[in-house]
C-alpha cells in the first residue's frame, strides 16, 4: 500500500463509518502492511499513523475535528470550539 492509497483508504473508511474514524483502527490496519511509511510504534509502544499520511488526510478533510479523549475524527458540529482538536 502506498501513502496515497492509505489516505484514500482512510477517506473510504470515514464514509463507511458514518463520518467517524478511530485512530487506533486506522493505525492498526496500516501497521499490518509492515511499512513504517504507513504506521509505526512510538517510544511508548502506541501504534501511530505516519506523519505524511496524517498530514495528507488532514489536508483533504478540513471539516473534521479530532476528539482527543476517545481518539477519533468526526465531522465538525456547530457547537464545536474553534480548531481541529476537541
PDB file of N, CA and C in Angstrom:
ATOM      1  N   UNK A   1       0.856  -1.178   0.000  1.00  0.00           N
ATOM      2  CA  UNK A   1       0.000   0.000   0.000  1.00  0.00           C
ATOM      3  C   UNK A   1       0.898   1.236   0.000  1.00  0.00           C
ATOM      4  N   UNK A   2       0.591   2.167  -0.866  1.00  0.00           N
ATOM      5  CA  UNK A   2       1.332   3.428  -0.892  1.00  0.00           C
ATOM      6  C   UNK A   2       0.703   4.408   0.094  1.00  0.00           C
ATOM      7  N   UNK A   3       1.403   5.507   0.335  1.00  0.00           N
ATOM      8  CA  UNK A   3       0.841   6.533   1.219  1.00  0.00           C
ATOM      9  C   UNK A   3      -0.470   7.068   0.648  1.00  0.00           C
ATOM     10  N   UNK A   4      -0.513   7.300  -0.650  1.00  0.00           N
ATOM     11  CA  UNK A   4      -1.742   7.800  -1.278  1.00  0.00           C
ATOM     12  C   UNK A   4      -2.882   6.804  -1.122  1.00  0.00           C
ATOM     13  N   UNK A   5      -2.593   5.530  -1.296  1.00  0.00           N
ATOM     14  CA  UNK A   5      -3.616   4.502  -1.103  1.00  0.00           C
ATOM     15  C   UNK A   5      -4.083   4.460   0.351  1.00  0.00           C
ATOM     16  N   UNK A   6      -3.146   4.671   1.279  1.00  0.00           N
ATOM     17  CA  UNK A   6      -3.502   4.710   2.696  1.00  0.00           C
ATOM     18  C   UNK A   6      -4.458   5.844   3.010  1.00  0.00           C
ATOM     19  N   UNK A   7      -4.186   7.015   2.465  1.00  0.00           N
ATOM     20  CA  UNK A   7      -5.072   8.169   2.674  1.00  0.00           C
ATOM     21  C   UNK A   7      -6.439   7.901   2.050  1.00  0.00           C
ATOM     22  N   UNK A   8      -6.456   7.370   0.840  1.00  0.00           N
ATOM     23  CA  UNK A   8      -7.732   7.066   0.185  1.00  0.00           C
ATOM     24  C   UNK A   8      -8.522   6.023   0.960  1.00  0.00           C
ATOM     25  N   UNK A   9      -7.823   5.046   1.521  1.00  0.00           N
ATOM     26  CA  UNK A   9      -8.490   4.043   2.352  1.00  0.00           C
ATOM     27  C   UNK A   9      -9.127   4.711   3.567  1.00  0.00           C
ATOM     28  N   UNK A  10      -8.401   5.634   4.198  1.00  0.00           N
ATOM     29  CA  UNK A  10      -8.944   6.357   5.351  1.00  0.00           C
ATOM     30  C   UNK A  10     -10.210   7.122   4.971  1.00  0.00           C
ATOM     31  N   UNK A  11     -10.201   7.770   3.829  1.00  0.00           N
ATOM     32  CA  UNK A  11     -11.381   8.525   3.388  1.00  0.00           C
ATOM     33  C   UNK A  11     -12.568   7.592   3.161  1.00  0.00           C
ATOM     34  N   UNK A  12     -12.320   6.430   2.589  1.00  0.00           N
ATOM     35  CA  UNK A  12     -13.410   5.459   2.381  1.00  0.00           C
ATOM     36  C   UNK A  12     -13.949   4.964   3.714  1.00  0.00           C
ATOM     37  N   UNK A  13     -13.051   4.706   4.670  1.00  0.00           N
ATOM     38  CA  UNK A  13     -13.496   4.236   5.982  1.00  0.00           C
ATOM     39  C   UNK A  13     -14.320   5.301   6.696  1.00  0.00           C
ATOM     40  N   UNK A  14     -13.940   6.540   6.551  1.00  0.00           N
ATOM     41  CA  UNK A  14     -14.703   7.639   7.143  1.00  0.00           C
ATOM     42  C   UNK A  14     -16.134   7.620   6.614  1.00  0.00           C
ATOM     43  N   UNK A  15     -16.272   7.412   5.322  1.00  0.00           N
ATOM     44  CA  UNK A  15     -17.610   7.335   4.714  1.00  0.00           C
ATOM     45  C   UNK A  15     -18.346   6.073   5.171  1.00  0.00           C
ATOM     46  N   UNK A  16     -17.643   4.960   5.246  1.00  0.00           N
ATOM     47  CA  UNK A  16     -18.268   3.687   5.639  1.00  0.00           C
ATOM     48  C   UNK A  16     -18.775   3.704   7.077  1.00  0.00           C
ATOM     49  N   UNK A  17     -18.113   4.473   7.938  1.00  0.00           N
ATOM     50  CA  UNK A  17     -18.483   4.508   9.351  1.00  0.00           C
ATOM     51  C   UNK A  17     -19.218   5.788   9.718  1.00  0.00           C
ATOM     52  N   UNK A  18     -19.982   6.328   8.767  1.00  0.00           N
ATOM     53  CA  UNK A  18     -20.848   7.484   9.007  1.00  0.00           C
ATOM     54  C   UNK A  18     -20.120   8.683   9.603  1.00  0.00           C
ATOM     55  N   UNK A  19     -18.926   8.945   9.088  1.00  0.00           N
ATOM     56  CA  UNK A  19     -18.214  10.148   9.498  1.00  0.00           C
ATOM     57  C   UNK A  19     -17.458  10.046  10.804  1.00  0.00           C
ATOM     58  N   UNK A  20     -17.207   8.837  11.276  1.00  0.00           N
ATOM     59  CA  UNK A  20     -16.421   8.634  12.495  1.00  0.00           C
ATOM     60  C   UNK A  20     -15.287   7.671  12.152  1.00  0.00           C
ATOM     61  N   UNK A  21     -14.066   8.041  12.524  1.00  0.00           N
ATOM     62  CA  UNK A  21     -12.914   7.208  12.194  1.00  0.00           C
ATOM     63  C   UNK A  21     -11.955   7.188  13.380  1.00  0.00           C
ATOM     64  N   UNK A  22     -11.773   5.999  13.953  1.00  0.00           N
ATOM     65  CA  UNK A  22     -10.917   5.846  15.129  1.00  0.00           C
ATOM     66  C   UNK A  22      -9.449   5.717  14.731  1.00  0.00           C
ATOM     67  N   UNK A  23      -8.609   6.472  15.407  1.00  0.00           N
ATOM     68  CA  UNK A  23      -7.175   6.499  15.123  1.00  0.00           C
ATOM     69  C   UNK A  23      -6.555   5.112  15.267  1.00  0.00           C
ATOM     70  N   UNK A  24      -6.872   4.392  16.306  1.00  0.00           N
ATOM     71  CA  UNK A  24      -6.267   3.079  16.530  1.00  0.00           C
ATOM     72  C   UNK A  24      -6.658   2.085  15.441  1.00  0.00           C
ATOM     73  N   UNK A  25      -7.900   2.144  14.998  1.00  0.00           N
ATOM     74  CA  UNK A  25      -8.357   1.275  13.913  1.00  0.00           C
ATOM     75  C   UNK A  25      -7.521   1.512  12.655  1.00  0.00           C
ATOM     76  N   UNK A  26      -7.337   2.784  12.309  1.00  0.00           N
ATOM     77  CA  UNK A  26      -6.567   3.138  11.115  1.00  0.00           C
ATOM     78  C   UNK A  26      -5.113   2.710  11.271  1.00  0.00           C
ATOM     79  N   UNK A  27      -4.494   3.079  12.374  1.00  0.00           N
ATOM     80  CA  UNK A  27      -3.078   2.780  12.576  1.00  0.00           C
ATOM     81  C   UNK A  27      -2.826   1.273  12.592  1.00  0.00           C
ATOM     82  N   UNK A  28      -3.697   0.517  13.228  1.00  0.00           N
ATOM     83  CA  UNK A  28      -3.539  -0.936  13.281  1.00  0.00           C
ATOM     84  C   UNK A  28      -3.656  -1.541  11.888  1.00  0.00           C
ATOM     85  N   UNK A  29      -4.623  -1.078  11.121  1.00  0.00           N
ATOM     86  CA  UNK A  29      -4.781  -1.577   9.749  1.00  0.00           C
ATOM     87  C   UNK A  29      -3.528  -1.284   8.928  1.00  0.00           C
ATOM     88  N   UNK A  30      -3.046  -0.056   8.984  1.00  0.00           N
ATOM     89  CA  UNK A  30      -1.874   0.333   8.197  1.00  0.00           C
ATOM     90  C   UNK A  30      -0.619  -0.387   8.668  1.00  0.00           C
ATOM     91  N   UNK A  31      -0.524  -0.655   9.962  1.00  0.00           N
ATOM     92  CA  UNK A  31       0.636  -1.336  10.518  1.00  0.00           C
ATOM     93  C   UNK A  31       0.799  -2.742   9.942  1.00  0.00           C
ATOM     94  N   UNK A  32      -0.290  -3.374   9.604  1.00  0.00           N
ATOM     95  CA  UNK A  32      -0.249  -4.740   9.079  1.00  0.00           C
ATOM     96  C   UNK A  32       0.491  -4.838   7.751  1.00  0.00           C
ATOM     97  N   UNK A  33       0.707  -3.713   7.089  1.00  0.00           N
ATOM     98  CA  UNK A  33       1.461  -3.730   5.837  1.00  0.00           C
ATOM     99  C   UNK A  33       2.965  -3.765   6.088  1.00  0.00           C
ATOM    100  N   UNK A  34       3.389  -3.567   7.329  1.00  0.00           N
ATOM    101  CA  UNK A  34       4.788  -3.674   7.691  1.00  0.00           C
ATOM    102  C   UNK A  34       5.679  -2.594   7.117  1.00  0.00           C
ATOM    103  N   UNK A  35       5.095  -1.464   6.809  1.00  0.00           N
ATOM    104  CA  UNK A  35       5.840  -0.361   6.193  1.00  0.00           C
ATOM    105  C   UNK A  35       5.760   0.854   7.117  1.00  0.00           C
ATOM    106  N   UNK A  36       6.914   1.286   7.641  1.00  0.00           N
ATOM    107  CA  UNK A  36       6.927   2.413   8.580  1.00  0.00           C
ATOM    108  C   UNK A  36       6.517   3.725   7.927  1.00  0.00           C
ATOM    109  N   UNK A  37       6.423   3.771   6.620  1.00  0.00           N
ATOM    110  CA  UNK A  37       5.925   4.984   5.970  1.00  0.00           C
ATOM    111  C   UNK A  37       4.404   5.074   6.096  1.00  0.00           C
ATOM    112  N   UNK A  38       3.773   3.997   6.576  1.00  0.00           N
ATOM    113  CA  UNK A  38       2.320   3.984   6.772  1.00  0.00           C
ATOM    114  C   UNK A  38       1.963   4.127   8.246  1.00  0.00           C
ATOM    115  N   UNK A  39       2.578   3.321   9.097  1.00  0.00           N
ATOM    116  CA  UNK A  39       2.285   3.339  10.542  1.00  0.00           C
ATOM    117  C   UNK A  39       3.476   2.738  11.283  1.00  0.00           C
ATOM    118  N   UNK A  40       3.556   3.035  12.583  1.00  0.00           N
ATOM    119  CA  UNK A  40       4.701   2.595  13.377  1.00  0.00           C
ATOM    120  C   UNK A  40       4.321   2.593  14.847  1.00  0.00           C
ATOM    121  N   UNK A  41       5.179   2.010  15.666  1.00  0.00           N
ATOM    122  CA  UNK A  41       5.040   2.083  17.119  1.00  0.00           C
ATOM    123  C   UNK A  41       5.927   3.216  17.622  1.00  0.00           C
ATOM    124  N   UNK A  42       5.384   4.055  18.493  1.00  0.00           N
ATOM    125  CA  UNK A  42       6.200   5.122  19.076  1.00  0.00           C
ATOM    126  C   UNK A  42       6.975   4.578  20.280  1.00  0.00           C
ATOM    127  N   UNK A  43       7.714   5.459  20.963  1.00  0.00           N
ATOM    128  CA  UNK A  43       8.559   5.039  22.084  1.00  0.00           C
ATOM    129  C   UNK A  43       7.758   4.505  23.268  1.00  0.00           C
ATOM    130  N   UNK A  44       6.464   4.807  23.324  1.00  0.00           N
ATOM    131  CA  UNK A  44       5.607   4.293  24.392  1.00  0.00           C
ATOM    132  C   UNK A  44       4.805   3.074  23.954  1.00  0.00           C
ATOM    133  N   UNK A  45       5.171   2.517  22.809  1.00  0.00           N
ATOM    134  CA  UNK A  45       4.516   1.333  22.228  1.00  0.00           C
ATOM    135  C   UNK A  45       3.087   1.590  21.761  1.00  0.00           C
ATOM    136  N   UNK A  46       2.759   2.841  21.473  1.00  0.00           N
ATOM    137  CA  UNK A  46       1.464   3.166  20.889  1.00  0.00           C
ATOM    138  C   UNK A  46       1.578   3.045  19.377  1.00  0.00           C
ATOM    139  N   UNK A  47       0.551   2.498  18.748  1.00  0.00           N
ATOM    140  CA  UNK A  47       0.553   2.412  17.294  1.00  0.00           C
ATOM    141  C   UNK A  47       0.128   3.778  16.739  1.00  0.00           C
ATOM    142  N   UNK A  48       0.868   4.274  15.752  1.00  0.00           N
ATOM    143  CA  UNK A  48       0.665   5.634  15.234  1.00  0.00           C
ATOM    144  C   UNK A  48       0.578   5.638  13.716  1.00  0.00           C
ATOM    145  N   UNK A  49      -0.197   6.544  13.197  1.00  0.00           N
ATOM    146  CA  UNK A  49      -0.260   6.778  11.758  1.00  0.00           C
ATOM    147  C   UNK A  49       0.950   7.631  11.393  1.00  0.00           C
ATOM    148  N   UNK A  50       1.600   7.329  10.279  1.00  0.00           N
ATOM    149  CA  UNK A  50       2.779   8.104   9.897  1.00  0.00           C
ATOM    150  C   UNK A  50       2.402   9.566   9.654  1.00  0.00           C
ATOM    151  N   UNK A  51       3.352  10.436   9.897  1.00  0.00           N
ATOM    152  CA  UNK A  51       3.106  11.874   9.758  1.00  0.00           C
ATOM    153  C   UNK A  51       2.715  12.273   8.333  1.00  0.00           C
ATOM    154  N   UNK A  52       3.352  11.739   7.281  1.00  0.00           N
ATOM    155  CA  UNK A  52       2.922  12.123   5.928  1.00  0.00           C
ATOM    156  C   UNK A  52       1.480  11.711   5.603  1.00  0.00           C
ATOM    157  N   UNK A  53       1.087  10.529   6.033  1.00  0.00           N
ATOM    158  CA  UNK A  53      -0.294  10.092   5.778  1.00  0.00           C
ATOM    159  C   UNK A  53      -1.266  10.957   6.561  1.00  0.00           C
ATOM    160  N   UNK A  54      -0.963  11.216   7.814  1.00  0.00           N
ATOM    161  CA  UNK A  54      -1.841  12.042   8.633  1.00  0.00           C
ATOM    162  C   UNK A  54      -1.955  13.452   8.061  1.00  0.00           C
ATOM    163  N   UNK A  55      -0.839  14.029   7.641  1.00  0.00           N
ATOM    164  CA  UNK A  55      -0.863  15.382   7.067  1.00  0.00           C
ATOM    165  C   UNK A  55      -1.705  15.427   5.793  1.00  0.00           C
ATOM    166  N   UNK A  56      -1.560  14.430   4.927  1.00  0.00           N
ATOM    167  CA  UNK A  56      -2.347  14.394   3.687  1.00  0.00           C
ATOM    168  C   UNK A  56      -3.834  14.222   3.993  1.00  0.00           C
ATOM    169  N   UNK A  57      -4.149  13.356   4.963  1.00  0.00           N
ATOM    170  CA  UNK A  57      -5.548  13.137   5.355  1.00  0.00           C
ATOM    171  C   UNK A  57      -6.163  14.422   5.893  1.00  0.00           C
ATOM    172  N   UNK A  58      -5.441  15.114   6.766  1.00  0.00           N
ATOM    173  CA  UNK A  58      -5.965  16.349   7.355  1.00  0.00           C
ATOM    174  C   UNK A  58      -6.130  17.447   6.309  1.00  0.00           C
ATOM    175  N   UNK A  59      -5.244  17.479   5.340  1.00  0.00           N
ATOM    176  CA  UNK A  59      -5.342  18.471   4.271  1.00  0.00           C
ATOM    177  C   UNK A  59      -6.618  18.262   3.445  1.00  0.00           C
ATOM    178  N   UNK A  60      -7.001  17.008   3.262  1.00  0.00           N
ATOM    179  CA  UNK A  60      -8.184  16.683   2.463  1.00  0.00           C
ATOM    180  C   UNK A  60      -9.486  16.751   3.258  1.00  0.00           C
ATOM    181  N   UNK A  61      -9.394  16.926   4.578  1.00  0.00           N
ATOM    182  CA  UNK A  61     -10.588  16.886   5.427  1.00  0.00           C
ATOM    183  C   UNK A  61     -10.644  18.080   6.376  1.00  0.00           C
ATOM    184  N   UNK A  62     -10.713  19.292   5.865  1.00  0.00           N
ATOM    185  CA  UNK A  62     -10.719  20.465   6.744  1.00  0.00           C
ATOM    186  C   UNK A  62     -11.963  20.565   7.632  1.00  0.00           C
ATOM    187  N   UNK A  63     -13.015  19.823   7.292  1.00  0.00           N
ATOM    188  CA  UNK A  63     -14.256  19.870   8.061  1.00  0.00           C
ATOM    189  C   UNK A  63     -14.326  18.802   9.158  1.00  0.00           C
ATOM    190  N   UNK A  64     -13.192  18.134   9.437  1.00  0.00           N
ATOM    191  CA  UNK A  64     -13.155  17.149  10.520  1.00  0.00           C
ATOM    192  C   UNK A  64     -12.524  17.748  11.757  1.00  0.00           C
ATOM    193  N   UNK A  65     -12.937  17.230  12.902  1.00  0.00           N
ATOM    194  CA  UNK A  65     -12.278  17.547  14.171  1.00  0.00           C
ATOM    195  C   UNK A  65     -11.831  16.227  14.791  1.00  0.00           C
ATOM    196  N   UNK A  66     -10.879  16.321  15.701  1.00  0.00           N
ATOM    197  CA  UNK A  66     -10.345  15.147  16.382  1.00  0.00           C
ATOM    198  C   UNK A  66     -10.778  15.187  17.837  1.00  0.00           C
ATOM    199  N   UNK A  67     -11.511  14.169  18.243  1.00  0.00           N
ATOM    200  CA  UNK A  67     -11.920  14.017  19.643  1.00  0.00           C
ATOM    201  C   UNK A  67     -10.761  13.371  20.383  1.00  0.00           C
ATOM    202  N   UNK A  68     -10.016  14.189  21.083  1.00  0.00           N
ATOM    203  CA  UNK A  68      -8.770  13.746  21.702  1.00  0.00           C
ATOM    204  C   UNK A  68      -8.982  12.684  22.776  1.00  0.00           C
ATOM    205  N   UNK A  69     -10.018  12.805  23.570  1.00  0.00           N
ATOM    206  CA  UNK A  69     -10.262  11.860  24.658  1.00  0.00           C
ATOM    207  C   UNK A  69     -10.472  10.447  24.138  1.00  0.00           C
ATOM    208  N   UNK A  70     -11.311  10.307  23.113  1.00  0.00           N
ATOM    209  CA  UNK A  70     -11.631   8.981  22.580  1.00  0.00           C
ATOM    210  C   UNK A  70     -10.855   8.638  21.314  1.00  0.00           C
ATOM    211  N   UNK A  71     -10.007   9.546  20.865  1.00  0.00           N
ATOM    212  CA  UNK A  71      -9.095   9.333  19.738  1.00  0.00           C
ATOM    213  C   UNK A  71      -9.807   8.949  18.442  1.00  0.00           C
ATOM    214  N   UNK A  72     -10.701   9.838  17.990  1.00  0.00           N
ATOM    215  CA  UNK A  72     -11.343   9.616  16.695  1.00  0.00           C
ATOM    216  C   UNK A  72     -11.614  10.944  16.007  1.00  0.00           C
ATOM    217  N   UNK A  73     -11.743  10.868  14.680  1.00  0.00           N
ATOM    218  CA  UNK A  73     -12.121  12.027  13.883  1.00  0.00           C
ATOM    219  C   UNK A  73     -13.608  11.950  13.595  1.00  0.00           C
ATOM    220  N   UNK A  74     -14.211  13.122  13.483  1.00  0.00           N
ATOM    221  CA  UNK A  74     -15.630  13.217  13.133  1.00  0.00           C
ATOM    222  C   UNK A  74     -15.849  14.564  12.446  1.00  0.00           C
ATOM    223  N   UNK A  75     -17.003  14.679  11.800  1.00  0.00           N
ATOM    224  CA  UNK A  75     -17.321  15.951  11.152  1.00  0.00           C
ATOM    225  C   UNK A  75     -17.623  17.024  12.190  1.00  0.00           C
ATOM    226  N   UNK A  76     -17.239  18.223  11.865  1.00  0.00           N
ATOM    227  CA  UNK A  76     -17.434  19.378  12.750  1.00  0.00           C
ATOM    228  C   UNK A  76     -18.923  19.635  12.972  1.00  0.00           C
ATOM    229  N   UNK A  77     -19.262  20.000  14.214  1.00  0.00           N
ATOM    230  CA  UNK A  77     -20.613  20.387  14.599  1.00  0.00           C
ATOM    231  C   UNK A  77     -20.649  21.891  14.864  1.00  0.00           C
ATOM    232  N   UNK A  78     -21.811  22.514  14.745  1.00  0.00           N
ATOM    233  CA  UNK A  78     -21.900  23.952  15.023  1.00  0.00           C
ATOM    234  C   UNK A  78     -21.465  24.325  16.443  1.00  0.00           C
ATOM    235  N   UNK A  79     -21.553  23.380  17.362  1.00  0.00           N
ATOM    236  CA  UNK A  79     -21.216  23.652  18.762  1.00  0.00           C
ATOM    237  C   UNK A  79     -19.742  23.423  19.091  1.00  0.00           C
ATOM    238  N   UNK A  80     -18.953  22.983  18.127  1.00  0.00           N
ATOM    239  CA  UNK A  80     -17.525  22.731  18.383  1.00  0.00           C
ATOM    240  C   UNK A  80     -16.761  24.018  18.612  1.00  0.00           C
ATOM    241  N   UNK A  81     -15.719  23.915  19.428  1.00  0.00           N
ATOM    242  CA  UNK A  81     -14.802  25.035  19.635  1.00  0.00           C
ATOM    243  C   UNK A  81     -13.977  25.227  18.359  1.00  0.00           C
ATOM    244  N   UNK A  82     -13.406  26.401  18.181  1.00  0.00           N
ATOM    245  CA  UNK A  82     -12.503  26.604  17.036  1.00  0.00           C
ATOM    246  C   UNK A  82     -11.313  25.650  17.134  1.00  0.00           C
ATOM    247  N   UNK A  83     -10.748  25.326  16.018  1.00  0.00           N
ATOM    248  CA  UNK A  83      -9.585  24.454  15.993  1.00  0.00           C
ATOM    249  C   UNK A  83      -9.945  23.026  15.650  1.00  0.00           C
ATOM    250  N   UNK A  84      -8.926  22.249  15.384  1.00  0.00           N
ATOM    251  CA  UNK A  84      -9.108  20.874  14.937  1.00  0.00           C
ATOM    252  C   UNK A  84      -9.399  19.919  16.096  1.00  0.00           C
ATOM    253  N   UNK A  85      -8.767  20.131  17.251  1.00  0.00           N
ATOM    254  CA  UNK A  85      -8.943  19.196  18.365  1.00  0.00           C
ATOM    255  C   UNK A  85     -10.055  19.657  19.289  1.00  0.00           C
ATOM    256  N   UNK A  86     -10.834  18.682  19.741  1.00  0.00           N
ATOM    257  CA  UNK A  86     -11.958  18.961  20.639  1.00  0.00           C
ATOM    258  C   UNK A  86     -11.763  18.256  21.956  1.00  0.00           C
TER     259      UNK A  86
END
